[in-house]
N, C-alpha and C. Protein backbone atom coordinates (compact mmCIF):
# COMPACT_ATOMS: atom_id res chain seq x y z
N UNK A 1 -34.41 17.43 -71.88
CA UNK A 1 -33.80 18.64 -72.39
C UNK A 1 -33.60 19.63 -71.25
N UNK A 2 -32.43 20.19 -71.17
CA UNK A 2 -32.08 21.13 -70.11
C UNK A 2 -32.61 22.51 -70.47
N UNK A 3 -33.28 23.14 -69.52
CA UNK A 3 -33.81 24.48 -69.72
C UNK A 3 -33.15 25.40 -68.70
N UNK A 4 -32.76 26.61 -69.15
CA UNK A 4 -32.09 27.55 -68.28
C UNK A 4 -32.90 28.83 -68.22
N UNK A 5 -33.12 29.33 -66.99
CA UNK A 5 -33.95 30.52 -66.79
C UNK A 5 -33.25 31.53 -65.89
N UNK A 6 -33.67 32.77 -66.02
CA UNK A 6 -33.34 33.81 -65.05
C UNK A 6 -34.68 34.09 -64.37
N UNK A 7 -34.73 33.91 -63.05
CA UNK A 7 -35.99 34.08 -62.31
C UNK A 7 -35.91 35.32 -61.45
N UNK A 8 -36.90 36.21 -61.61
CA UNK A 8 -37.03 37.37 -60.73
C UNK A 8 -38.14 37.04 -59.75
N UNK A 9 -37.79 37.02 -58.48
CA UNK A 9 -38.75 36.65 -57.43
C UNK A 9 -39.12 37.91 -56.67
N UNK A 10 -40.42 38.14 -56.54
CA UNK A 10 -40.87 39.38 -55.90
C UNK A 10 -40.88 40.49 -56.93
N UNK A 11 -40.51 41.70 -56.49
CA UNK A 11 -40.51 42.84 -57.40
C UNK A 11 -39.14 43.00 -58.05
N UNK A 12 -39.09 43.28 -59.36
CA UNK A 12 -37.81 43.46 -60.04
C UNK A 12 -36.99 44.55 -59.37
N UNK A 13 -35.68 44.30 -59.25
CA UNK A 13 -34.78 45.28 -58.65
C UNK A 13 -34.65 45.17 -57.15
N UNK A 14 -35.60 44.53 -56.49
CA UNK A 14 -35.55 44.41 -55.03
C UNK A 14 -34.60 43.30 -54.61
N UNK A 15 -34.55 42.22 -55.37
CA UNK A 15 -33.66 41.10 -55.09
C UNK A 15 -32.99 40.71 -56.40
N UNK A 16 -31.75 40.20 -56.33
CA UNK A 16 -31.10 39.79 -57.58
C UNK A 16 -31.80 38.60 -58.20
N UNK A 17 -31.67 38.49 -59.52
CA UNK A 17 -32.25 37.35 -60.23
C UNK A 17 -31.59 36.06 -59.75
N UNK A 18 -32.34 34.98 -59.81
CA UNK A 18 -31.84 33.64 -59.50
C UNK A 18 -31.58 32.93 -60.81
N UNK A 19 -30.48 32.20 -60.87
CA UNK A 19 -30.20 31.35 -62.03
C UNK A 19 -30.83 30.00 -61.78
N UNK A 20 -31.70 29.57 -62.68
CA UNK A 20 -32.45 28.32 -62.51
C UNK A 20 -32.26 27.46 -63.74
N UNK A 21 -31.91 26.19 -63.53
CA UNK A 21 -31.91 25.22 -64.62
C UNK A 21 -32.81 24.07 -64.22
N UNK A 22 -33.46 23.48 -65.20
CA UNK A 22 -34.35 22.36 -64.94
C UNK A 22 -34.20 21.36 -66.07
N UNK A 23 -34.09 20.08 -65.71
CA UNK A 23 -34.05 19.03 -66.71
C UNK A 23 -34.68 17.78 -66.15
N UNK A 24 -35.32 17.03 -67.04
CA UNK A 24 -36.01 15.79 -66.69
C UNK A 24 -34.96 14.69 -66.50
N UNK A 25 -35.10 13.90 -65.43
CA UNK A 25 -34.20 12.78 -65.19
C UNK A 25 -34.77 11.52 -65.84
N UNK A 26 -33.96 10.47 -65.89
CA UNK A 26 -34.41 9.21 -66.50
C UNK A 26 -35.58 8.59 -65.75
N UNK A 27 -35.68 8.86 -64.44
CA UNK A 27 -36.77 8.26 -63.65
C UNK A 27 -38.03 9.13 -63.61
N UNK A 28 -38.07 10.21 -64.44
CA UNK A 28 -39.29 11.02 -64.54
C UNK A 28 -39.34 12.21 -63.59
N UNK A 29 -38.36 12.32 -62.69
CA UNK A 29 -38.34 13.49 -61.81
C UNK A 29 -37.64 14.65 -62.53
N UNK A 30 -37.58 15.77 -61.83
CA UNK A 30 -36.90 16.95 -62.36
C UNK A 30 -35.68 17.24 -61.51
N UNK A 31 -34.56 17.51 -62.16
CA UNK A 31 -33.37 18.01 -61.47
C UNK A 31 -33.41 19.52 -61.62
N UNK A 32 -33.61 20.23 -60.52
CA UNK A 32 -33.72 21.68 -60.54
C UNK A 32 -32.54 22.25 -59.76
N UNK A 33 -31.82 23.17 -60.37
CA UNK A 33 -30.69 23.82 -59.72
C UNK A 33 -30.99 25.31 -59.64
N UNK A 34 -31.01 25.84 -58.40
CA UNK A 34 -31.26 27.26 -58.18
C UNK A 34 -30.01 27.85 -57.56
N UNK A 35 -29.35 28.74 -58.30
CA UNK A 35 -28.09 29.36 -57.85
C UNK A 35 -27.12 28.34 -57.28
N UNK A 36 -26.96 27.23 -57.99
CA UNK A 36 -25.99 26.21 -57.61
C UNK A 36 -26.48 25.16 -56.64
N UNK A 37 -27.66 25.33 -56.07
CA UNK A 37 -28.22 24.34 -55.13
C UNK A 37 -29.17 23.41 -55.87
N UNK A 38 -28.81 22.11 -55.89
CA UNK A 38 -29.58 21.13 -56.65
C UNK A 38 -30.64 20.45 -55.80
N UNK A 39 -31.82 20.27 -56.38
CA UNK A 39 -32.93 19.54 -55.75
C UNK A 39 -33.53 18.60 -56.78
N UNK A 40 -33.92 17.41 -56.32
CA UNK A 40 -34.70 16.50 -57.15
C UNK A 40 -36.16 16.71 -56.79
N UNK A 41 -36.99 16.92 -57.79
CA UNK A 41 -38.39 17.27 -57.57
C UNK A 41 -39.30 16.29 -58.30
N UNK A 42 -40.25 15.70 -57.57
CA UNK A 42 -41.34 14.95 -58.18
C UNK A 42 -42.46 15.95 -58.41
N UNK A 43 -42.93 16.06 -59.64
CA UNK A 43 -43.97 17.03 -59.97
C UNK A 43 -45.09 16.35 -60.74
N UNK A 44 -46.34 16.54 -60.27
CA UNK A 44 -47.50 15.98 -60.95
C UNK A 44 -48.55 17.08 -61.05
N UNK A 45 -49.05 17.31 -62.28
CA UNK A 45 -50.12 18.29 -62.45
C UNK A 45 -51.43 17.64 -62.02
N UNK A 46 -52.11 18.25 -61.06
CA UNK A 46 -53.39 17.74 -60.58
C UNK A 46 -54.52 18.21 -61.50
N UNK A 47 -54.45 19.46 -61.88
CA UNK A 47 -55.37 20.08 -62.84
C UNK A 47 -54.63 21.30 -63.38
N UNK A 48 -55.08 21.88 -64.47
CA UNK A 48 -54.37 23.03 -65.01
C UNK A 48 -54.17 24.11 -63.93
N UNK A 49 -52.92 24.50 -63.72
CA UNK A 49 -52.60 25.53 -62.75
C UNK A 49 -52.33 25.03 -61.34
N UNK A 50 -52.53 23.75 -61.07
CA UNK A 50 -52.28 23.21 -59.73
C UNK A 50 -51.35 22.01 -59.83
N UNK A 51 -50.27 22.06 -59.03
CA UNK A 51 -49.25 21.02 -59.06
C UNK A 51 -49.04 20.45 -57.67
N UNK A 52 -48.72 19.17 -57.63
CA UNK A 52 -48.30 18.51 -56.41
C UNK A 52 -46.80 18.27 -56.55
N UNK A 53 -46.00 18.83 -55.63
CA UNK A 53 -44.55 18.69 -55.68
C UNK A 53 -44.06 17.96 -54.43
N UNK A 54 -43.06 17.13 -54.60
CA UNK A 54 -42.36 16.53 -53.46
C UNK A 54 -40.89 16.92 -53.61
N UNK A 55 -40.41 17.67 -52.61
CA UNK A 55 -39.03 18.16 -52.59
C UNK A 55 -38.43 17.79 -51.25
N UNK A 56 -37.32 17.06 -51.26
CA UNK A 56 -36.65 16.62 -50.02
C UNK A 56 -37.62 15.91 -49.08
N UNK A 57 -38.51 15.09 -49.64
CA UNK A 57 -39.44 14.32 -48.83
C UNK A 57 -40.63 15.11 -48.31
N UNK A 58 -40.72 16.39 -48.62
CA UNK A 58 -41.85 17.22 -48.18
C UNK A 58 -42.79 17.45 -49.36
N UNK A 59 -44.08 17.42 -49.08
CA UNK A 59 -45.10 17.59 -50.11
C UNK A 59 -45.61 19.03 -50.11
N UNK A 60 -45.79 19.57 -51.33
CA UNK A 60 -46.29 20.94 -51.49
C UNK A 60 -47.41 20.93 -52.53
N UNK A 61 -48.47 21.66 -52.25
CA UNK A 61 -49.52 21.90 -53.22
C UNK A 61 -49.31 23.32 -53.73
N UNK A 62 -49.09 23.47 -55.03
CA UNK A 62 -48.71 24.75 -55.60
C UNK A 62 -49.73 25.18 -56.65
N UNK A 63 -50.28 26.36 -56.49
CA UNK A 63 -51.19 26.95 -57.49
C UNK A 63 -50.40 27.99 -58.27
N UNK A 64 -50.51 27.92 -59.59
CA UNK A 64 -49.78 28.81 -60.48
C UNK A 64 -50.79 29.62 -61.28
N UNK A 65 -50.69 30.95 -61.20
CA UNK A 65 -51.61 31.85 -61.88
C UNK A 65 -50.81 32.79 -62.77
N UNK A 66 -50.84 32.56 -64.09
CA UNK A 66 -50.08 33.41 -65.01
C UNK A 66 -50.79 34.74 -65.16
N UNK A 67 -50.01 35.80 -64.98
CA UNK A 67 -50.53 37.16 -65.12
C UNK A 67 -49.72 37.89 -66.18
N UNK A 68 -50.04 39.17 -66.43
CA UNK A 68 -49.38 39.90 -67.51
C UNK A 68 -47.86 39.96 -67.36
N UNK A 69 -47.37 40.39 -66.21
CA UNK A 69 -45.94 40.63 -66.06
C UNK A 69 -45.20 39.54 -65.31
N UNK A 70 -45.89 38.74 -64.58
CA UNK A 70 -45.23 37.69 -63.79
C UNK A 70 -46.24 36.57 -63.56
N UNK A 71 -45.78 35.56 -62.89
CA UNK A 71 -46.64 34.45 -62.53
C UNK A 71 -46.78 34.45 -61.02
N UNK A 72 -48.00 34.43 -60.53
CA UNK A 72 -48.24 34.35 -59.08
C UNK A 72 -48.21 32.88 -58.69
N UNK A 73 -47.40 32.56 -57.69
CA UNK A 73 -47.27 31.20 -57.20
C UNK A 73 -47.75 31.19 -55.75
N UNK A 74 -48.75 30.35 -55.46
CA UNK A 74 -49.32 30.25 -54.13
C UNK A 74 -48.93 28.90 -53.53
N UNK A 75 -48.15 28.96 -52.44
CA UNK A 75 -47.71 27.76 -51.73
C UNK A 75 -48.04 27.95 -50.25
N UNK A 76 -48.82 27.03 -49.69
CA UNK A 76 -49.18 27.11 -48.26
C UNK A 76 -49.69 28.49 -47.86
N UNK A 77 -50.62 29.03 -48.63
CA UNK A 77 -51.28 30.31 -48.37
C UNK A 77 -50.34 31.51 -48.47
N UNK A 78 -49.18 31.33 -49.04
CA UNK A 78 -48.23 32.43 -49.24
C UNK A 78 -48.04 32.64 -50.74
N UNK A 79 -48.31 33.86 -51.21
CA UNK A 79 -48.22 34.16 -52.63
C UNK A 79 -46.94 34.93 -52.94
N UNK A 80 -46.27 34.51 -54.01
CA UNK A 80 -45.04 35.16 -54.48
C UNK A 80 -45.14 35.32 -55.99
N UNK A 81 -44.69 36.46 -56.48
CA UNK A 81 -44.65 36.68 -57.92
C UNK A 81 -43.29 36.24 -58.45
N UNK A 82 -43.30 35.49 -59.53
CA UNK A 82 -42.07 35.01 -60.15
C UNK A 82 -42.16 35.29 -61.64
N UNK A 83 -41.13 35.95 -62.16
CA UNK A 83 -41.03 36.17 -63.61
C UNK A 83 -39.88 35.31 -64.12
N UNK A 84 -40.19 34.37 -65.01
CA UNK A 84 -39.16 33.52 -65.61
C UNK A 84 -38.85 34.03 -67.01
N UNK A 85 -37.56 34.11 -67.30
CA UNK A 85 -37.11 34.58 -68.60
C UNK A 85 -36.04 33.61 -69.08
N UNK A 86 -36.04 33.29 -70.35
CA UNK A 86 -35.01 32.42 -70.90
C UNK A 86 -33.65 33.08 -70.65
N UNK A 87 -32.75 32.39 -69.96
CA UNK A 87 -31.46 32.96 -69.56
C UNK A 87 -30.61 33.32 -70.77
N UNK A 88 -30.63 32.50 -71.81
CA UNK A 88 -29.85 32.81 -73.00
C UNK A 88 -30.35 34.08 -73.68
N UNK A 89 -31.67 34.21 -73.76
CA UNK A 89 -32.24 35.42 -74.37
C UNK A 89 -31.89 36.66 -73.55
N UNK A 90 -31.90 36.53 -72.23
CA UNK A 90 -31.56 37.67 -71.36
C UNK A 90 -30.10 38.07 -71.55
N UNK A 91 -29.20 37.08 -71.64
CA UNK A 91 -27.79 37.39 -71.88
C UNK A 91 -27.60 38.08 -73.23
N UNK A 92 -28.32 37.60 -74.25
CA UNK A 92 -28.25 38.20 -75.57
C UNK A 92 -28.72 39.65 -75.52
N UNK A 93 -29.80 39.91 -74.84
CA UNK A 93 -30.33 41.28 -74.73
C UNK A 93 -29.34 42.19 -74.02
N UNK A 94 -28.61 41.67 -73.04
CA UNK A 94 -27.65 42.50 -72.33
C UNK A 94 -26.47 42.88 -73.22
N UNK A 95 -26.21 42.10 -74.28
CA UNK A 95 -25.13 42.42 -75.21
C UNK A 95 -25.54 43.48 -76.22
N UNK A 96 -26.84 43.67 -76.40
CA UNK A 96 -27.31 44.59 -77.43
C UNK A 96 -26.89 46.01 -77.14
N UNK A 97 -26.92 46.44 -75.88
CA UNK A 97 -26.59 47.82 -75.54
C UNK A 97 -25.52 47.86 -74.47
N UNK A 98 -24.73 48.91 -74.51
CA UNK A 98 -23.75 49.15 -73.46
C UNK A 98 -23.46 50.63 -73.42
N UNK A 99 -22.97 51.14 -72.30
CA UNK A 99 -22.63 52.56 -72.20
C UNK A 99 -21.42 52.84 -73.07
N UNK A 100 -21.35 54.05 -73.62
CA UNK A 100 -20.15 54.37 -74.39
C UNK A 100 -19.02 54.68 -73.43
N UNK A 101 -17.81 54.87 -73.96
CA UNK A 101 -16.64 55.03 -73.10
C UNK A 101 -16.72 56.27 -72.24
N UNK A 102 -17.49 57.30 -72.65
CA UNK A 102 -17.64 58.50 -71.83
C UNK A 102 -18.65 58.30 -70.72
N UNK A 103 -19.46 57.23 -70.78
CA UNK A 103 -20.42 56.94 -69.73
C UNK A 103 -21.70 57.75 -69.84
N UNK A 104 -21.82 58.59 -70.88
CA UNK A 104 -22.99 59.45 -70.96
C UNK A 104 -24.00 58.98 -71.99
N UNK A 105 -23.60 58.09 -72.85
CA UNK A 105 -24.49 57.66 -73.93
C UNK A 105 -24.69 56.17 -73.96
N UNK A 106 -25.03 55.72 -75.15
CA UNK A 106 -25.32 54.30 -75.33
C UNK A 106 -24.80 53.90 -76.71
N UNK A 107 -24.02 52.82 -76.75
CA UNK A 107 -23.59 52.27 -78.03
C UNK A 107 -24.44 51.02 -78.26
N UNK A 108 -25.19 51.02 -79.34
CA UNK A 108 -26.03 49.88 -79.67
C UNK A 108 -25.22 48.97 -80.58
N UNK A 109 -25.08 47.71 -80.16
CA UNK A 109 -24.27 46.75 -80.91
C UNK A 109 -25.15 45.63 -81.43
N UNK A 110 -24.63 44.93 -82.43
CA UNK A 110 -25.37 43.81 -83.02
C UNK A 110 -25.34 42.62 -82.07
N UNK A 111 -26.51 42.09 -81.71
CA UNK A 111 -26.54 40.93 -80.83
C UNK A 111 -26.32 39.62 -81.58
N UNK A 112 -26.39 39.68 -82.93
CA UNK A 112 -26.26 38.49 -83.76
C UNK A 112 -25.52 38.84 -85.05
N UNK A 113 -25.00 37.82 -85.69
CA UNK A 113 -24.38 37.99 -87.01
C UNK A 113 -25.49 37.95 -88.06
N UNK A 114 -25.37 38.79 -89.08
CA UNK A 114 -26.39 38.80 -90.13
C UNK A 114 -26.15 39.93 -91.10
N UNK A 115 -27.22 40.33 -91.77
CA UNK A 115 -27.16 41.43 -92.73
C UNK A 115 -27.95 42.60 -92.16
N UNK A 116 -27.33 43.77 -92.14
CA UNK A 116 -28.02 44.97 -91.69
C UNK A 116 -28.95 45.41 -92.83
N UNK A 117 -30.23 45.12 -92.67
CA UNK A 117 -31.21 45.38 -93.72
C UNK A 117 -31.58 46.86 -93.79
N UNK A 118 -31.83 47.47 -92.62
CA UNK A 118 -32.28 48.86 -92.58
C UNK A 118 -31.72 49.56 -91.36
N UNK A 119 -31.39 50.83 -91.53
CA UNK A 119 -31.16 51.72 -90.40
C UNK A 119 -32.41 52.57 -90.30
N UNK A 120 -32.99 52.64 -89.14
CA UNK A 120 -34.25 53.35 -88.96
C UNK A 120 -34.06 54.75 -88.40
N UNK A 121 -32.79 55.16 -88.22
CA UNK A 121 -32.48 56.48 -87.67
C UNK A 121 -31.35 57.11 -88.46
N UNK A 122 -31.18 58.43 -88.28
CA UNK A 122 -30.09 59.17 -88.90
C UNK A 122 -29.43 60.03 -87.83
N UNK A 123 -28.22 60.50 -88.09
CA UNK A 123 -27.51 61.35 -87.14
C UNK A 123 -28.39 62.57 -86.83
N UNK A 124 -28.52 62.86 -85.53
CA UNK A 124 -29.33 63.98 -85.08
C UNK A 124 -30.74 63.60 -84.65
N UNK A 125 -31.21 62.41 -85.04
CA UNK A 125 -32.55 61.96 -84.66
C UNK A 125 -32.64 61.74 -83.16
N UNK A 126 -33.79 62.05 -82.60
CA UNK A 126 -34.09 61.77 -81.19
C UNK A 126 -34.69 60.37 -81.12
N UNK A 127 -34.16 59.53 -80.22
CA UNK A 127 -34.60 58.14 -80.09
C UNK A 127 -35.13 57.92 -78.68
N UNK A 128 -36.30 57.33 -78.57
CA UNK A 128 -36.90 57.01 -77.28
C UNK A 128 -36.41 55.66 -76.79
N UNK A 129 -36.44 55.44 -75.49
CA UNK A 129 -36.10 54.13 -74.93
C UNK A 129 -37.04 53.09 -75.52
N UNK A 130 -36.48 51.98 -75.99
CA UNK A 130 -37.29 50.91 -76.58
C UNK A 130 -37.57 51.06 -78.06
N UNK A 131 -37.20 52.20 -78.64
CA UNK A 131 -37.45 52.44 -80.07
C UNK A 131 -36.46 51.65 -80.92
N UNK A 132 -36.94 51.05 -82.00
CA UNK A 132 -36.07 50.31 -82.92
C UNK A 132 -35.20 51.30 -83.69
N UNK A 133 -33.91 50.93 -83.84
CA UNK A 133 -32.98 51.78 -84.58
C UNK A 133 -32.42 51.09 -85.82
N UNK A 134 -32.53 49.75 -85.87
CA UNK A 134 -32.00 49.01 -87.00
C UNK A 134 -32.73 47.68 -87.14
N UNK A 135 -32.62 47.09 -88.33
CA UNK A 135 -33.19 45.77 -88.58
C UNK A 135 -32.07 44.88 -89.13
N UNK A 136 -31.87 43.74 -88.48
CA UNK A 136 -30.86 42.77 -88.91
C UNK A 136 -31.58 41.51 -89.37
N UNK A 137 -31.18 41.01 -90.54
CA UNK A 137 -31.73 39.75 -91.04
C UNK A 137 -30.73 38.64 -90.70
N UNK A 138 -31.24 37.61 -90.04
CA UNK A 138 -30.42 36.44 -89.71
C UNK A 138 -31.32 35.22 -89.82
N UNK A 139 -30.85 34.19 -90.52
CA UNK A 139 -31.59 32.95 -90.69
C UNK A 139 -33.00 33.21 -91.24
N UNK A 140 -33.08 34.11 -92.22
CA UNK A 140 -34.32 34.46 -92.93
C UNK A 140 -35.36 35.12 -92.03
N UNK A 141 -34.92 35.65 -90.89
CA UNK A 141 -35.83 36.37 -90.00
C UNK A 141 -35.30 37.78 -89.80
N UNK A 142 -36.21 38.75 -89.78
CA UNK A 142 -35.81 40.13 -89.52
C UNK A 142 -35.98 40.42 -88.03
N UNK A 143 -34.92 40.98 -87.43
CA UNK A 143 -34.88 41.26 -86.00
C UNK A 143 -34.68 42.76 -85.78
N UNK A 144 -35.64 43.40 -85.10
CA UNK A 144 -35.49 44.81 -84.79
C UNK A 144 -34.55 44.97 -83.59
N UNK A 145 -33.62 45.91 -83.70
CA UNK A 145 -32.68 46.20 -82.63
C UNK A 145 -33.09 47.54 -82.04
N UNK A 146 -33.35 47.55 -80.73
CA UNK A 146 -33.90 48.75 -80.08
C UNK A 146 -32.90 49.37 -79.11
N UNK A 147 -33.09 50.66 -78.88
CA UNK A 147 -32.30 51.39 -77.89
C UNK A 147 -32.81 51.04 -76.50
N UNK A 148 -31.90 50.91 -75.56
CA UNK A 148 -32.30 50.60 -74.20
C UNK A 148 -32.74 51.86 -73.45
N UNK A 149 -31.93 52.93 -73.56
CA UNK A 149 -32.22 54.14 -72.79
C UNK A 149 -32.71 55.31 -73.65
N UNK A 150 -32.30 55.33 -74.90
CA UNK A 150 -32.69 56.43 -75.76
C UNK A 150 -31.69 57.57 -75.71
N UNK A 151 -31.90 58.58 -76.56
CA UNK A 151 -31.01 59.73 -76.65
C UNK A 151 -31.03 60.27 -78.07
N UNK A 152 -30.00 61.04 -78.40
CA UNK A 152 -29.87 61.60 -79.74
C UNK A 152 -28.79 60.83 -80.49
N UNK A 153 -29.06 60.52 -81.76
CA UNK A 153 -28.10 59.76 -82.55
C UNK A 153 -26.87 60.63 -82.80
N UNK A 154 -25.73 60.15 -82.29
CA UNK A 154 -24.46 60.87 -82.42
C UNK A 154 -23.68 60.36 -83.63
N UNK A 155 -23.70 59.02 -83.85
CA UNK A 155 -22.92 58.44 -84.93
C UNK A 155 -23.55 57.14 -85.41
N UNK A 156 -23.47 56.90 -86.71
CA UNK A 156 -23.90 55.65 -87.32
C UNK A 156 -22.62 54.90 -87.69
N UNK A 157 -22.47 53.66 -87.23
CA UNK A 157 -21.24 52.90 -87.44
C UNK A 157 -21.31 51.91 -88.60
N UNK A 158 -22.48 51.61 -89.12
CA UNK A 158 -22.61 50.58 -90.16
C UNK A 158 -23.55 51.08 -91.24
N UNK A 159 -23.44 50.45 -92.41
CA UNK A 159 -24.29 50.83 -93.54
C UNK A 159 -25.30 49.73 -93.83
N UNK A 160 -26.50 50.15 -94.21
CA UNK A 160 -27.54 49.19 -94.61
C UNK A 160 -27.04 48.39 -95.80
N UNK A 161 -27.36 47.08 -95.79
CA UNK A 161 -26.96 46.20 -96.88
C UNK A 161 -25.64 45.48 -96.64
N UNK A 162 -24.96 45.83 -95.55
CA UNK A 162 -23.68 45.18 -95.27
C UNK A 162 -23.85 44.04 -94.27
N UNK A 163 -22.88 43.11 -94.31
CA UNK A 163 -22.86 42.02 -93.34
C UNK A 163 -22.24 42.54 -92.04
N UNK A 164 -22.79 42.07 -90.93
CA UNK A 164 -22.26 42.48 -89.63
C UNK A 164 -22.04 41.25 -88.77
N UNK A 165 -21.15 41.38 -87.81
CA UNK A 165 -20.84 40.32 -86.87
C UNK A 165 -21.41 40.66 -85.51
N UNK A 166 -21.56 39.67 -84.67
CA UNK A 166 -22.00 39.88 -83.29
C UNK A 166 -21.05 40.87 -82.62
N UNK A 167 -21.57 41.82 -81.90
CA UNK A 167 -20.86 42.86 -81.15
C UNK A 167 -20.40 44.03 -82.02
N UNK A 168 -20.63 44.01 -83.35
CA UNK A 168 -20.30 45.17 -84.16
C UNK A 168 -21.13 46.35 -83.71
N UNK A 169 -20.52 47.52 -83.66
CA UNK A 169 -21.25 48.73 -83.29
C UNK A 169 -22.17 49.16 -84.43
N UNK A 170 -23.39 49.54 -84.05
CA UNK A 170 -24.36 49.99 -85.05
C UNK A 170 -24.60 51.49 -84.94
N UNK A 171 -24.99 51.95 -83.73
CA UNK A 171 -25.38 53.35 -83.53
C UNK A 171 -24.89 53.80 -82.16
N UNK A 172 -24.41 55.06 -82.09
CA UNK A 172 -24.06 55.66 -80.80
C UNK A 172 -25.07 56.76 -80.50
N UNK A 173 -25.61 56.73 -79.29
CA UNK A 173 -26.55 57.75 -78.82
C UNK A 173 -25.88 58.57 -77.73
N UNK A 174 -26.29 59.83 -77.60
CA UNK A 174 -25.81 60.65 -76.47
C UNK A 174 -26.97 61.33 -75.80
């Protein structure tokens, strides 16, 4: 099964994310593609958190230490923090919010098709960054939709109880 990730290496914002895909080959190795560069990797877990890798004929002993915000990877006495995020989920999250046409606010849009179950804000309400503004039901699951930057609710574009499509506008903040 092919897995796709967005990898942040080092501190977020210091370097661009790397696009990483990984899939198991028929011979048991891994085909790993990092920003378009493909490598075949032999990987064997020696014990939990320690891996033996062979890449391009070179052997690496890799220690992996999962932490709260990232994973510390130690290779040849050099430690690097790596945060892996599901690439599809990251793309979906980037669709949830966008700047309005004036560039001063935020238009929160539906990331999925479903039923708008609840609006959690009203015009004039102050919204904090990360605060939920609506709940969408899709595939029998309720999904909270949150503001990315926050602001004051300028306009409500949809009504609770109605069906919505992906990219439909929900709330405008200023």
